[in-house]
Amino acid sequence: TLAGSLLVATAGQLLLGLTSSPPATVAGLALGSFAFGVWN
């Protein structure tokens, strides 16, 4: 679960870092925050 949350956070940052669109940003933020919530 901890490893999975880190991988989900990675996916979120890839969406933010490799794209420049509002929908991708929304998805990236949601994934990153989801992962951080699980990790905590």
Full PDB file with SEQRES, HELIX, SHEET, SSBOND, CRYST1, ORIGX, SCALE, CONECT and MASTER records, all heavy atoms in Angstrom:
SEQRES   1 A   40  THR LEU ALA GLY SER LEU LEU VAL ALA THR ALA GLY GLN          
SEQRES   2 A   40  LEU LEU LEU GLY LEU THR SER SER PRO PRO ALA THR VAL          
SEQRES   3 A   40  ALA GLY LEU ALA LEU GLY SER PHE ALA PHE GLY VAL TRP          
SEQRES   4 A   40  ASN                                                          
HELIX    1 AA1 LEU A    2  LEU A   18  1                                  17    
HELIX    2 AA2 PRO A   22  TRP A   39  1                                  18    
CRYST1    1.000    1.000    1.000  90.00  90.00  90.00 P 1           1          
ORIGX1      1.000000  0.000000  0.000000        0.00000                         
ORIGX2      0.000000  1.000000  0.000000        0.00000                         
ORIGX3      0.000000  0.000000  1.000000        0.00000                         
SCALE1      1.000000  0.000000  0.000000        0.00000                         
SCALE2      0.000000  1.000000  0.000000        0.00000                         
SCALE3      0.000000  0.000000  1.000000        0.00000                         
ATOM      1  N   THR A   1       0.828  -1.206   0.000  1.00  0.00           N  
ATOM      2  CA  THR A   1       0.000   0.000   0.000  1.00  0.00           C  
ATOM      3  C   THR A   1       0.860   1.253   0.000  1.00  0.00           C  
ATOM      4  O   THR A   1       0.583   2.219  -0.728  1.00  0.00           O  
ATOM      5  CB  THR A   1      -0.940   0.013   1.218  1.00  0.00           C  
ATOM      6  OG1 THR A   1      -1.700  -1.200   1.244  1.00  0.00           O  
ATOM      7  CG2 THR A   1      -1.896   1.196   1.150  1.00  0.00           C  
ATOM      8  N   LEU A   2       1.912   1.265   0.821  1.00  0.00           N  
ATOM      9  CA  LEU A   2       2.823   2.415   0.831  1.00  0.00           C  
ATOM     10  C   LEU A   2       3.500   2.570  -0.528  1.00  0.00           C  
ATOM     11  O   LEU A   2       3.582   3.680  -1.073  1.00  0.00           O  
ATOM     12  CB  LEU A   2       3.873   2.237   1.926  1.00  0.00           C  
ATOM     13  CG  LEU A   2       3.378   2.354   3.371  1.00  0.00           C  
ATOM     14  CD1 LEU A   2       4.472   1.934   4.348  1.00  0.00           C  
ATOM     15  CD2 LEU A   2       2.904   3.768   3.684  1.00  0.00           C  
ATOM     16  N   ALA A   3       3.979   1.465  -1.087  1.00  0.00           N  
ATOM     17  CA  ALA A   3       4.622   1.523  -2.402  1.00  0.00           C  
ATOM     18  C   ALA A   3       3.619   1.974  -3.467  1.00  0.00           C  
ATOM     19  O   ALA A   3       3.954   2.778  -4.345  1.00  0.00           O  
ATOM     20  CB  ALA A   3       5.195   0.157  -2.769  1.00  0.00           C  
ATOM     21  N   GLY A   4       2.398   1.455  -3.387  1.00  0.00           N  
ATOM     22  CA  GLY A   4       1.377   1.846  -4.359  1.00  0.00           C  
ATOM     23  C   GLY A   4       1.057   3.323  -4.298  1.00  0.00           C  
ATOM     24  O   GLY A   4       0.865   3.971  -5.340  1.00  0.00           O  
ATOM     25  N   SER A   5       1.010   3.882  -3.077  1.00  0.00           N  
ATOM     26  CA  SER A   5       0.721   5.315  -2.960  1.00  0.00           C  
ATOM     27  C   SER A   5       1.839   6.143  -3.584  1.00  0.00           C  
ATOM     28  O   SER A   5       1.591   7.177  -4.216  1.00  0.00           O  
ATOM     29  CB  SER A   5       0.513   5.698  -1.492  1.00  0.00           C  
ATOM     30  OG  SER A   5       1.703   5.558  -0.746  1.00  0.00           O  
ATOM     31  N   LEU A   6       3.088   5.684  -3.442  1.00  0.00           N  
ATOM     32  CA  LEU A   6       4.211   6.386  -4.058  1.00  0.00           C  
ATOM     33  C   LEU A   6       4.137   6.317  -5.583  1.00  0.00           C  
ATOM     34  O   LEU A   6       4.441   7.289  -6.281  1.00  0.00           O  
ATOM     35  CB  LEU A   6       5.531   5.793  -3.569  1.00  0.00           C  
ATOM     36  CG  LEU A   6       5.852   6.014  -2.075  1.00  0.00           C  
ATOM     37  CD1 LEU A   6       7.014   5.136  -1.641  1.00  0.00           C  
ATOM     38  CD2 LEU A   6       6.156   7.480  -1.801  1.00  0.00           C  
ATOM     39  N   LEU A   7       3.710   5.176  -6.116  1.00  0.00           N  
ATOM     40  CA  LEU A   7       3.568   5.038  -7.571  1.00  0.00           C  
ATOM     41  C   LEU A   7       2.428   5.906  -8.098  1.00  0.00           C  
ATOM     42  O   LEU A   7       2.542   6.503  -9.178  1.00  0.00           O  
ATOM     43  CB  LEU A   7       3.341   3.572  -7.936  1.00  0.00           C  
ATOM     44  CG  LEU A   7       4.524   2.627  -7.680  1.00  0.00           C  
ATOM     45  CD1 LEU A   7       4.137   1.195  -7.992  1.00  0.00           C  
ATOM     46  CD2 LEU A   7       5.734   3.049  -8.513  1.00  0.00           C  
ATOM     47  N   VAL A   8       1.340   5.978  -7.347  1.00  0.00           N  
ATOM     48  CA  VAL A   8       0.228   6.844  -7.754  1.00  0.00           C  
ATOM     49  C   VAL A   8       0.676   8.304  -7.741  1.00  0.00           C  
ATOM     50  O   VAL A   8       0.335   9.087  -8.638  1.00  0.00           O  
ATOM     51  CB  VAL A   8      -0.990   6.628  -6.834  1.00  0.00           C  
ATOM     52  CG1 VAL A   8      -2.066   7.683  -7.109  1.00  0.00           C  
ATOM     53  CG2 VAL A   8      -1.574   5.235  -7.042  1.00  0.00           C  
ATOM     54  N   ALA A   9       1.453   8.690  -6.719  1.00  0.00           N  
ATOM     55  CA  ALA A   9       1.985  10.054  -6.664  1.00  0.00           C  
ATOM     56  C   ALA A   9       2.891  10.322  -7.862  1.00  0.00           C  
ATOM     57  O   ALA A   9       2.883  11.428  -8.433  1.00  0.00           O  
ATOM     58  CB  ALA A   9       2.746  10.271  -5.357  1.00  0.00           C  
ATOM     59  N   THR A  10       3.671   9.321  -8.253  1.00  0.00           N  
ATOM     60  CA  THR A  10       4.531   9.464  -9.433  1.00  0.00           C  
ATOM     61  C   THR A  10       3.701   9.721 -10.684  1.00  0.00           C  
ATOM     62  O   THR A  10       4.035  10.597 -11.500  1.00  0.00           O  
ATOM     63  CB  THR A  10       5.372   8.181  -9.636  1.00  0.00           C  
ATOM     64  OG1 THR A  10       6.146   7.928  -8.462  1.00  0.00           O  
ATOM     65  CG2 THR A  10       6.310   8.336 -10.826  1.00  0.00           C  
ATOM     66  N   ALA A  11       2.607   8.975 -10.831  1.00  0.00           N  
ATOM     67  CA  ALA A  11       1.723   9.171 -11.986  1.00  0.00           C  
ATOM     68  C   ALA A  11       1.153  10.586 -11.997  1.00  0.00           C  
ATOM     69  O   ALA A  11       1.048  11.232 -13.046  1.00  0.00           O  
ATOM     70  CB  ALA A  11       0.598   8.144 -11.962  1.00  0.00           C  
ATOM     71  N   GLY A  12       0.800  11.085 -10.797  1.00  0.00           N  
ATOM     72  CA  GLY A  12       0.276  12.443 -10.710  1.00  0.00           C  
ATOM     73  C   GLY A  12       1.289  13.479 -11.139  1.00  0.00           C  
ATOM     74  O   GLY A  12       0.965  14.427 -11.864  1.00  0.00           O  
ATOM     75  N   GLN A  13       2.546  13.294 -10.725  1.00  0.00           N  
ATOM     76  CA  GLN A  13       3.570  14.266 -11.099  1.00  0.00           C  
ATOM     77  C   GLN A  13       3.929  14.181 -12.579  1.00  0.00           C  
ATOM     78  O   GLN A  13       4.264  15.187 -13.205  1.00  0.00           O  
ATOM     79  CB  GLN A  13       4.807  14.065 -10.232  1.00  0.00           C  
ATOM     80  CG  GLN A  13       4.565  14.498  -8.786  1.00  0.00           C  
ATOM     81  CD  GLN A  13       5.823  14.600  -7.957  1.00  0.00           C  
ATOM     82  OE1 GLN A  13       5.819  14.278  -6.782  1.00  0.00           O  
ATOM     83  NE2 GLN A  13       6.898  15.057  -8.553  1.00  0.00           N  
ATOM     84  N   LEU A  14       3.851  12.972 -13.148  1.00  0.00           N  
ATOM     85  CA  LEU A  14       4.086  12.846 -14.589  1.00  0.00           C  
ATOM     86  C   LEU A  14       3.004  13.579 -15.382  1.00  0.00           C  
ATOM     87  O   LEU A  14       3.301  14.222 -16.405  1.00  0.00           O  
ATOM     88  CB  LEU A  14       4.124  11.369 -14.983  1.00  0.00           C  
ATOM     89  CG  LEU A  14       5.391  10.599 -14.582  1.00  0.00           C  
ATOM     90  CD1 LEU A  14       5.219   9.109 -14.856  1.00  0.00           C  
ATOM     91  CD2 LEU A  14       6.607  11.140 -15.336  1.00  0.00           C  
ATOM     92  N   LEU A  15       1.777  13.496 -14.918  1.00  0.00           N  
ATOM     93  CA  LEU A  15       0.701  14.223 -15.595  1.00  0.00           C  
ATOM     94  C   LEU A  15       0.951  15.731 -15.563  1.00  0.00           C  
ATOM     95  O   LEU A  15       0.744  16.437 -16.551  1.00  0.00           O  
ATOM     96  CB  LEU A  15      -0.646  13.909 -14.939  1.00  0.00           C  
ATOM     97  CG  LEU A  15      -1.351  12.629 -15.386  1.00  0.00           C  
ATOM     98  CD1 LEU A  15      -2.578  12.373 -14.520  1.00  0.00           C  
ATOM     99  CD2 LEU A  15      -1.768  12.739 -16.856  1.00  0.00           C  
ATOM    100  N   LEU A  16       1.402  16.224 -14.398  1.00  0.00           N  
ATOM    101  CA  LEU A  16       1.671  17.653 -14.263  1.00  0.00           C  
ATOM    102  C   LEU A  16       2.912  18.069 -15.054  1.00  0.00           C  
ATOM    103  O   LEU A  16       2.939  19.127 -15.684  1.00  0.00           O  
ATOM    104  CB  LEU A  16       1.866  18.016 -12.792  1.00  0.00           C  
ATOM    105  CG  LEU A  16       0.640  17.924 -11.875  1.00  0.00           C  
ATOM    106  CD1 LEU A  16       1.051  18.090 -10.424  1.00  0.00           C  
ATOM    107  CD2 LEU A  16      -0.397  18.955 -12.256  1.00  0.00           C  
ATOM    108  N   GLY A  17       3.948  17.218 -15.018  1.00  0.00           N  
ATOM    109  CA  GLY A  17       5.225  17.595 -15.609  1.00  0.00           C  
ATOM    110  C   GLY A  17       5.329  17.400 -17.101  1.00  0.00           C  
ATOM    111  O   GLY A  17       6.142  18.061 -17.762  1.00  0.00           O  
ATOM    112  N   LEU A  18       4.522  16.497 -17.656  1.00  0.00           N  
ATOM    113  CA  LEU A  18       4.631  16.198 -19.082  1.00  0.00           C  
ATOM    114  C   LEU A  18       3.493  16.772 -19.911  1.00  0.00           C  
ATOM    115  O   LEU A  18       3.489  16.635 -21.136  1.00  0.00           O  
ATOM    116  CB  LEU A  18       4.693  14.677 -19.296  1.00  0.00           C  
ATOM    117  CG  LEU A  18       5.889  13.952 -18.652  1.00  0.00           C  
ATOM    118  CD1 LEU A  18       5.799  12.458 -18.909  1.00  0.00           C  
ATOM    119  CD2 LEU A  18       7.206  14.516 -19.181  1.00  0.00           C  
ATOM    120  N   THR A  19       2.538  17.388 -19.265  1.00  0.00           N  
ATOM    121  CA  THR A  19       1.402  17.974 -19.987  1.00  0.00           C  
ATOM    122  C   THR A  19       1.216  19.418 -19.537  1.00  0.00           C  
ATOM    123  O   THR A  19       1.834  19.875 -18.581  1.00  0.00           O  
ATOM    124  CB  THR A  19       0.108  17.191 -19.724  1.00  0.00           C  
ATOM    125  OG1 THR A  19      -0.231  17.308 -18.328  1.00  0.00           O  
ATOM    126  CG2 THR A  19       0.270  15.713 -20.066  1.00  0.00           C  
ATOM    127  N   SER A  20       0.350  20.105 -20.211  1.00  0.00           N  
ATOM    128  CA  SER A  20       0.067  21.509 -19.873  1.00  0.00           C  
ATOM    129  C   SER A  20      -1.398  21.824 -20.150  1.00  0.00           C  
ATOM    130  O   SER A  20      -1.726  22.814 -20.800  1.00  0.00           O  
ATOM    131  CB  SER A  20       0.964  22.453 -20.680  1.00  0.00           C  
ATOM    132  OG  SER A  20       2.331  22.209 -20.424  1.00  0.00           O  
ATOM    133  N   SER A  21      -2.279  20.981 -19.645  1.00  0.00           N  
ATOM    134  CA  SER A  21      -3.708  21.198 -19.864  1.00  0.00           C  
ATOM    135  C   SER A  21      -4.440  21.168 -18.534  1.00  0.00           C  
ATOM    136  O   SER A  21      -4.061  20.412 -17.629  1.00  0.00           O  
ATOM    137  CB  SER A  21      -4.282  20.123 -20.788  1.00  0.00           C  
ATOM    138  OG  SER A  21      -4.348  18.883 -20.134  1.00  0.00           O  
ATOM    139  N   PRO A  22      -5.485  21.965 -18.373  1.00  0.00           N  
ATOM    140  CA  PRO A  22      -6.249  21.968 -17.118  1.00  0.00           C  
ATOM    141  C   PRO A  22      -6.797  20.599 -16.723  1.00  0.00           C  
ATOM    142  O   PRO A  22      -6.683  20.218 -15.552  1.00  0.00           O  
ATOM    143  CB  PRO A  22      -7.366  22.983 -17.396  1.00  0.00           C  
ATOM    144  CG  PRO A  22      -6.762  23.925 -18.390  1.00  0.00           C  
ATOM    145  CD  PRO A  22      -5.917  23.059 -19.272  1.00  0.00           C  
ATOM    146  N   PRO A  23      -7.388  19.810 -17.666  1.00  0.00           N  
ATOM    147  CA  PRO A  23      -7.892  18.492 -17.252  1.00  0.00           C  
ATOM    148  C   PRO A  23      -6.792  17.585 -16.709  1.00  0.00           C  
ATOM    149  O   PRO A  23      -6.985  16.883 -15.710  1.00  0.00           O  
ATOM    150  CB  PRO A  23      -8.493  17.922 -18.545  1.00  0.00           C  
ATOM    151  CG  PRO A  23      -8.832  19.113 -19.370  1.00  0.00           C  
ATOM    152  CD  PRO A  23      -7.750  20.108 -19.070  1.00  0.00           C  
ATOM    153  N   ALA A  24      -5.627  17.585 -17.360  1.00  0.00           N  
ATOM    154  CA  ALA A  24      -4.518  16.764 -16.882  1.00  0.00           C  
ATOM    155  C   ALA A  24      -4.014  17.258 -15.524  1.00  0.00           C  
ATOM    156  O   ALA A  24      -3.639  16.469 -14.655  1.00  0.00           O  
ATOM    157  CB  ALA A  24      -3.373  16.787 -17.891  1.00  0.00           C  
ATOM    158  N   THR A  25      -4.036  18.554 -15.322  1.00  0.00           N  
ATOM    159  CA  THR A  25      -3.624  19.122 -14.044  1.00  0.00           C  
ATOM    160  C   THR A  25      -4.573  18.698 -12.933  1.00  0.00           C  
ATOM    161  O   THR A  25      -4.145  18.321 -11.838  1.00  0.00           O  
ATOM    162  CB  THR A  25      -3.564  20.658 -14.125  1.00  0.00           C  
ATOM    163  OG1 THR A  25      -2.621  21.038 -15.119  1.00  0.00           O  
ATOM    164  CG2 THR A  25      -3.162  21.252 -12.781  1.00  0.00           C  
ATOM    165  N   VAL A  26      -5.862  18.758 -13.208  1.00  0.00           N  
ATOM    166  CA  VAL A  26      -6.858  18.326 -12.223  1.00  0.00           C  
ATOM    167  C   VAL A  26      -6.636  16.864 -11.858  1.00  0.00           C  
ATOM    168  O   VAL A  26      -6.634  16.484 -10.682  1.00  0.00           O  
ATOM    169  CB  VAL A  26      -8.285  18.538 -12.776  1.00  0.00           C  
ATOM    170  CG1 VAL A  26      -9.317  17.822 -11.902  1.00  0.00           C  
ATOM    171  CG2 VAL A  26      -8.604  20.028 -12.849  1.00  0.00           C  
ATOM    172  N   ALA A  27      -6.424  16.023 -12.876  1.00  0.00           N  
ATOM    173  CA  ALA A  27      -6.193  14.603 -12.617  1.00  0.00           C  
ATOM    174  C   ALA A  27      -4.911  14.392 -11.823  1.00  0.00           C  
ATOM    175  O   ALA A  27      -4.868  13.587 -10.879  1.00  0.00           O  
ATOM    176  CB  ALA A  27      -6.129  13.835 -13.939  1.00  0.00           C  
ATOM    177  N   GLY A  28      -3.848  15.121 -12.183  1.00  0.00           N  
ATOM    178  CA  GLY A  28      -2.580  14.989 -11.477  1.00  0.00           C  
ATOM    179  C   GLY A  28      -2.680  15.407 -10.024  1.00  0.00           C  
ATOM    180  O   GLY A  28      -2.146  14.735  -9.135  1.00  0.00           O  
ATOM    181  N   LEU A  29      -3.369  16.515  -9.766  1.00  0.00           N  
ATOM    182  CA  LEU A  29      -3.539  16.976  -8.392  1.00  0.00           C  
ATOM    183  C   LEU A  29      -4.362  15.992  -7.572  1.00  0.00           C  
ATOM    184  O   LEU A  29      -4.043  15.710  -6.412  1.00  0.00           O  
ATOM    185  CB  LEU A  29      -4.207  18.349  -8.377  1.00  0.00           C  
ATOM    186  CG  LEU A  29      -3.357  19.520  -8.872  1.00  0.00           C  
ATOM    187  CD1 LEU A  29      -4.203  20.785  -8.959  1.00  0.00           C  
ATOM    188  CD2 LEU A  29      -2.173  19.741  -7.952  1.00  0.00           C  
ATOM    189  N   ALA A  30      -5.431  15.468  -8.184  1.00  0.00           N  
ATOM    190  CA  ALA A  30      -6.271  14.517  -7.479  1.00  0.00           C  
ATOM    191  C   ALA A  30      -5.497  13.246  -7.139  1.00  0.00           C  
ATOM    192  O   ALA A  30      -5.591  12.720  -6.020  1.00  0.00           O  
ATOM    193  CB  ALA A  30      -7.506  14.178  -8.318  1.00  0.00           C  
ATOM    194  N   LEU A  31      -4.706  12.749  -8.093  1.00  0.00           N  
ATOM    195  CA  LEU A  31      -3.915  11.542  -7.850  1.00  0.00           C  
ATOM    196  C   LEU A  31      -2.868  11.775  -6.770  1.00  0.00           C  
ATOM    197  O   LEU A  31      -2.676  10.947  -5.874  1.00  0.00           O  
ATOM    198  CB  LEU A  31      -3.233  11.096  -9.146  1.00  0.00           C  
ATOM    199  CG  LEU A  31      -4.118  10.422 -10.200  1.00  0.00           C  
ATOM    200  CD1 LEU A  31      -3.319  10.175 -11.477  1.00  0.00           C  
ATOM    201  CD2 LEU A  31      -4.687   9.120  -9.673  1.00  0.00           C  
ATOM    202  N   GLY A  32      -2.156  12.905  -6.859  1.00  0.00           N  
ATOM    203  CA  GLY A  32      -1.121  13.194  -5.876  1.00  0.00           C  
ATOM    204  C   GLY A  32      -1.677  13.321  -4.466  1.00  0.00           C  
ATOM    205  O   GLY A  32      -1.106  12.782  -3.513  1.00  0.00           O  
ATOM    206  N   SER A  33      -2.786  14.001  -4.333  1.00  0.00           N  
ATOM    207  CA  SER A  33      -3.379  14.181  -3.006  1.00  0.00           C  
ATOM    208  C   SER A  33      -3.977  12.885  -2.486  1.00  0.00           C  
ATOM    209  O   SER A  33      -3.923  12.594  -1.289  1.00  0.00           O  
ATOM    210  CB  SER A  33      -4.451  15.274  -3.061  1.00  0.00           C  
ATOM    211  OG  SER A  33      -3.869  16.518  -3.369  1.00  0.00           O  
ATOM    212  N   PHE A  34      -4.557  12.082  -3.389  1.00  0.00           N  
ATOM    213  CA  PHE A  34      -5.068  10.768  -3.002  1.00  0.00           C  
ATOM    214  C   PHE A  34      -3.929   9.927  -2.422  1.00  0.00           C  
ATOM    215  O   PHE A  34      -4.061   9.312  -1.361  1.00  0.00           O  
ATOM    216  CB  PHE A  34      -5.685  10.071  -4.212  1.00  0.00           C  
ATOM    217  CG  PHE A  34      -6.157   8.672  -3.943  1.00  0.00           C  
ATOM    218  CD1 PHE A  34      -7.437   8.434  -3.469  1.00  0.00           C  
ATOM    219  CD2 PHE A  34      -5.319   7.584  -4.154  1.00  0.00           C  
ATOM    220  CE1 PHE A  34      -7.872   7.138  -3.200  1.00  0.00           C  
ATOM    221  CE2 PHE A  34      -5.729   6.293  -3.893  1.00  0.00           C  
ATOM    222  CZ  PHE A  34      -7.019   6.070  -3.422  1.00  0.00           C  
ATOM    223  N   ALA A  35      -2.801   9.910  -3.133  1.00  0.00           N  
ATOM    224  CA  ALA A  35      -1.650   9.128  -2.694  1.00  0.00           C  
ATOM    225  C   ALA A  35      -1.137   9.608  -1.337  1.00  0.00           C  
ATOM    226  O   ALA A  35      -0.811   8.805  -0.460  1.00  0.00           O  
ATOM    227  CB  ALA A  35      -0.541   9.217  -3.738  1.00  0.00           C  
ATOM    228  N   PHE A  36      -1.075  10.921  -1.150  1.00  0.00           N  
ATOM    229  CA  PHE A  36      -0.576  11.467   0.105  1.00  0.00           C  
ATOM    230  C   PHE A  36      -1.524  11.124   1.250  1.00  0.00           C  
ATOM    231  O   PHE A  36      -1.087  10.848   2.372  1.00  0.00           O  
ATOM    232  CB  PHE A  36      -0.414  12.988  -0.025  1.00  0.00           C  
ATOM    233  CG  PHE A  36       0.677  13.543   0.842  1.00  0.00           C  
ATOM    234  CD1 PHE A  36       1.998  13.183   0.637  1.00  0.00           C  
ATOM    235  CD2 PHE A  36       0.391  14.439   1.856  1.00  0.00           C  
ATOM    236  CE1 PHE A  36       3.016  13.699   1.438  1.00  0.00           C  
ATOM    237  CE2 PHE A  36       1.390  14.960   2.666  1.00  0.00           C  
ATOM    238  CZ  PHE A  36       2.709  14.583   2.448  1.00  0.00           C  
ATOM    239  N   GLY A  37      -2.846  11.129   0.978  1.00  0.00           N  
ATOM    240  CA  GLY A  37      -3.813  10.756   2.003  1.00  0.00           C  
ATOM    241  C   GLY A  37      -3.653   9.314   2.434  1.00  0.00           C  
ATOM    242  O   GLY A  37      -3.675   8.992   3.636  1.00  0.00           O  
ATOM    243  N   VAL A  38      -3.490   8.411   1.470  1.00  0.00           N  
ATOM    244  CA  VAL A  38      -3.271   6.996   1.794  1.00  0.00           C  
ATOM    245  C   VAL A  38      -1.979   6.826   2.582  1.00  0.00           C  
ATOM    246  O   VAL A  38      -1.928   6.124   3.599  1.00  0.00           O  
ATOM    247  CB  VAL A  38      -3.232   6.148   0.504  1.00  0.00           C  
ATOM    248  CG1 VAL A  38      -2.812   4.709   0.823  1.00  0.00           C  
ATOM    249  CG2 VAL A  38      -4.593   6.158  -0.190  1.00  0.00           C  
ATOM    250  N   TRP A  39      -0.919   7.453   2.105  1.00  0.00           N  
ATOM    251  CA  TRP A  39       0.382   7.344   2.780  1.00  0.00           C  
ATOM    252  C   TRP A  39       0.281   7.789   4.235  1.00  0.00           C  
ATOM    253  O   TRP A  39       0.799   7.117   5.128  1.00  0.00           O  
ATOM    254  CB  TRP A  39       1.429   8.184   2.051  1.00  0.00           C  
ATOM    255  CG  TRP A  39       2.734   8.220   2.774  1.00  0.00           C  
ATOM    256  CD1 TRP A  39       3.091   9.047   3.807  1.00  0.00           C  
ATOM    257  CD2 TRP A  39       3.839   7.333   2.589  1.00  0.00           C  
ATOM    258  NE1 TRP A  39       4.351   8.748   4.248  1.00  0.00           N  
ATOM    259  CE2 TRP A  39       4.836   7.698   3.521  1.00  0.00           C  
ATOM    260  CE3 TRP A  39       4.090   6.288   1.698  1.00  0.00           C  
ATOM    261  CZ2 TRP A  39       6.052   7.046   3.597  1.00  0.00           C  
ATOM    262  CZ3 TRP A  39       5.317   5.640   1.783  1.00  0.00           C  
ATOM    263  CH2 TRP A  39       6.281   6.012   2.717  1.00  0.00           C  
ATOM    264  N   ASN A  40      -0.353   8.916   4.491  1.00  0.00           N  
ATOM    265  CA  ASN A  40      -0.427   9.452   5.846  1.00  0.00           C  
ATOM    266  C   ASN A  40      -1.126   8.486   6.795  1.00  0.00           C  
ATOM    267  O   ASN A  40      -0.684   8.282   7.936  1.00  0.00           O  
ATOM    268  CB  ASN A  40      -1.150  10.799   5.849  1.00  0.00           C  
ATOM    269  CG  ASN A  40      -0.271  11.926   5.361  1.00  0.00           C  
ATOM    270  OD1 ASN A  40       0.951  11.847   5.425  1.00  0.00           O  
ATOM    271  ND2 ASN A  40      -0.881  12.983   4.842  1.00  0.00           N  
TER     272      ASN A  40                                                      
MASTER        0    0    0    2    0    0    0    6  271    1    0    4          
END                                                                             
